[in-house]
Structures are given as structure tokens and as C-alpha cells.
Amino acid sequence: QLQLVESGGGSVQAGGSLRLSCAAYGFTYGGKCVAWFRQAPGKGREGVAFLYTGAFTTYYADSVKGRFTISLDNSKNTVYLQMNSLKPEDSAMYYCAAKFSSGCPQYGGTSSDYKFWGQGTQVTVSS
């Protein structure tokens, strides 16, 4: 019933763009903390973009700032991650996540702050 479903991953050349989507089912994004994380093989899960839908505040990791944009389409109940100027080091499995308890983590928080996760979508950036 309660699901986050990611899509939009794929393979792209360095410098290209992708837009990831995360559709929510069984709940609405309103008043939630929403995030995109990524995890490359052998690496920890890294938060890259965060959206606090109530205040509509966003935060980005320094590694993606200026290149990635998180947004929300309320009519589609879908969160997006627009990724531009992609680099090979952006290659990872990307996950969307949501926090349901009151209050959003300061400056986005960490993966442990988010309890509801999508299945992930793979992004591969080639040189």
C-alpha cells in the first residue's frame, strides 16, 4: 500500500543529463521530509538532495550542488531529481526516501533518519 517507486535511471555519457522520478503511493508528499541518496559499490549511502515539502526547503551535498535539483510535482505526487553535467563518479544506485515523523533532519540528515525507501534505480555515467 505504501510505496516509493523510482524510475528514470539508465546509462548516459559524461556531461549528459537524467531525470529520476519517485512516485509515492498510499501517502502524499505534503508535510514530509524527502531525500535522494546514492550508493556506489563499496561505498556508504550518501545523501545528495533533500526537500522539506512543508517549508519547501532544499539542501544539496557539495558534490552535486549546482548540478542536481530536487523538485516536487504535487499533481503527480512525484519527487524528481534532475541531474545535469553528470560525471562518472555520479554512477551509483539512487534511492528516494521519506521521513514520516515530525520534524526534518537539519541540513538533510543521514540515511538512518529516513525510514521509508524505494527500491532504487541505477545510474551509470560513462566517459
Protein backbone atom coordinates (compact mmCIF):
# COMPACT_ATOMS: atom_id res chain seq x y z
CA GLN A 1 0.00 0.00 0.00
CA LEU A 2 2.71 2.46 1.00
CA GLN A 3 5.30 2.58 -1.74
CA LEU A 4 8.01 4.73 -3.23
CA VAL A 5 8.72 3.77 -6.82
CA GLU A 6 11.82 5.15 -8.52
CA SER A 7 12.31 5.32 -12.26
CA GLY A 8 14.39 7.16 -14.82
CA GLY A 9 17.77 5.60 -14.24
CA GLY A 10 19.94 4.44 -17.08
CA SER A 11 23.23 4.95 -18.84
CA VAL A 12 24.43 8.32 -20.03
CA GLN A 13 27.68 9.84 -21.23
CA ALA A 14 29.60 12.24 -19.05
CA GLY A 15 28.16 15.71 -19.33
CA GLY A 16 24.70 14.40 -20.04
CA SER A 17 21.52 14.60 -18.02
CA LEU A 18 18.99 12.30 -16.44
CA ARG A 19 15.81 12.92 -14.51
CA LEU A 20 14.89 10.46 -11.82
CA SER A 21 11.32 10.15 -10.60
CA CYS A 22 9.97 8.89 -7.30
CA ALA A 23 6.23 8.38 -7.22
CA ALA A 24 4.52 7.90 -3.88
CA TYR A 25 1.60 5.56 -3.39
CA GLY A 26 -0.53 5.33 -0.29
CA PHE A 27 0.53 8.73 1.05
CA THR A 28 1.18 12.23 -0.14
CA TYR A 29 4.44 14.11 -0.01
CA GLY A 30 2.84 17.10 1.68
CA GLY A 31 4.45 17.94 5.01
CA LYS A 32 7.15 15.29 4.58
CA CYS A 33 10.92 15.13 4.50
CA VAL A 34 12.05 13.66 1.19
CA ALA A 35 15.55 12.76 0.09
CA TRP A 36 17.62 11.23 -2.65
CA PHE A 37 20.52 9.02 -1.62
CA ARG A 38 23.02 7.13 -3.69
CA GLN A 39 25.29 4.20 -3.07
CA ALA A 40 28.16 3.07 -5.24
CA PRO A 41 29.76 -0.38 -4.87
CA GLY A 42 31.92 -0.49 -1.77
CA LYS A 43 30.71 2.90 -0.61
CA GLY A 44 28.33 4.05 2.04
CA ARG A 45 24.96 5.54 1.30
CA GLU A 46 25.38 9.23 0.52
CA GLY A 47 22.65 11.82 0.73
CA VAL A 48 22.67 14.05 -2.33
CA ALA A 49 19.46 16.08 -2.28
CA PHE A 50 16.81 16.86 0.31
CA LEU A 51 13.41 18.51 0.18
CA TYR A 52 11.27 19.54 3.13
CA THR A 53 7.88 19.86 1.50
CA GLY A 54 6.20 21.84 4.25
CA ALA A 55 8.66 24.70 4.26
CA PHE A 56 9.81 23.81 0.75
CA THR A 57 13.41 23.97 1.81
CA THR A 58 16.11 22.16 -0.15
CA TYR A 59 19.65 21.06 0.67
CA TYR A 60 22.31 19.51 -1.53
CA ALA A 61 25.55 17.71 -0.98
CA ASP A 62 28.55 19.74 -2.03
CA SER A 63 29.42 17.08 -4.59
CA VAL A 64 26.23 17.73 -6.56
CA LYS A 65 25.44 21.34 -5.74
CA GLY A 66 24.78 23.34 -8.86
CA ARG A 67 24.25 20.21 -10.94
CA PHE A 68 21.34 18.39 -9.28
CA THR A 69 17.90 19.75 -8.48
CA ILE A 70 15.20 18.14 -6.36
CA SER A 71 11.61 19.13 -7.03
CA LEU A 72 8.04 18.08 -6.32
CA ASP A 73 5.05 17.85 -8.62
CA ASN A 74 2.07 17.82 -6.29
CA SER A 75 -0.38 16.97 -9.06
CA LYS A 76 1.50 13.75 -9.77
CA ASN A 77 2.61 13.12 -6.17
CA THR A 78 6.09 12.63 -7.57
CA VAL A 79 9.51 13.88 -6.49
CA TYR A 80 12.16 14.38 -9.14
CA LEU A 81 15.91 14.55 -9.18
CA GLN A 82 17.16 16.43 -12.21
CA MET A 83 20.81 15.55 -12.76
CA ASN A 84 22.83 17.68 -15.15
CA SER A 85 26.51 17.71 -16.08
CA LEU A 86 26.82 14.14 -14.94
CA LYS A 87 30.23 12.76 -14.07
CA PRO A 88 31.44 9.15 -13.91
CA GLU A 89 31.70 9.50 -10.14
CA ASP A 90 27.94 10.06 -10.05
CA SER A 91 27.44 6.43 -11.04
CA ALA A 92 25.53 4.69 -8.27
CA MET A 93 22.26 3.16 -7.25
CA TYR A 94 19.95 6.04 -6.44
CA TYR A 95 17.23 5.75 -3.82
CA CYS A 96 14.46 8.06 -2.80
CA ALA A 97 13.40 8.09 0.81
CA ALA A 98 10.90 9.74 3.11
CA LYS A 99 10.67 10.55 6.78
CA PHE A 100 7.28 10.43 8.40
CA SER A 101 7.94 11.51 11.98
CA SER A 102 7.65 15.13 12.99
CA GLY A 103 10.48 17.41 12.08
CA CYS A 104 13.01 17.15 9.28
CA PRO A 105 16.72 16.49 9.81
CA GLN A 106 18.90 19.54 9.93
CA TYR A 107 20.67 20.01 6.60
CA GLY A 108 19.11 16.83 5.26
CA GLY A 109 20.36 14.32 7.80
CA THR A 110 21.67 10.83 7.12
CA SER A 111 20.20 7.60 5.81
CA SER A 112 19.28 6.48 9.32
CA ASP A 113 16.90 9.41 9.60
CA TYR A 114 14.78 8.08 6.75
CA LYS A 115 12.65 5.02 7.38
CA PHE A 116 10.77 4.56 4.14
CA TRP A 117 12.70 3.75 0.97
CA GLY A 118 12.19 2.98 -2.66
CA GLN A 119 13.80 0.05 -4.44
CA GLY A 120 16.45 2.12 -6.18
CA THR A 121 17.29 2.92 -9.77
CA GLN A 122 20.72 2.50 -11.33
CA VAL A 123 22.58 5.43 -12.85
CA THR A 124 25.69 4.75 -14.89
CA VAL A 125 27.77 7.58 -16.32
CA SER A 126 30.43 6.69 -18.86
CA SER A 127 33.38 8.75 -20.03
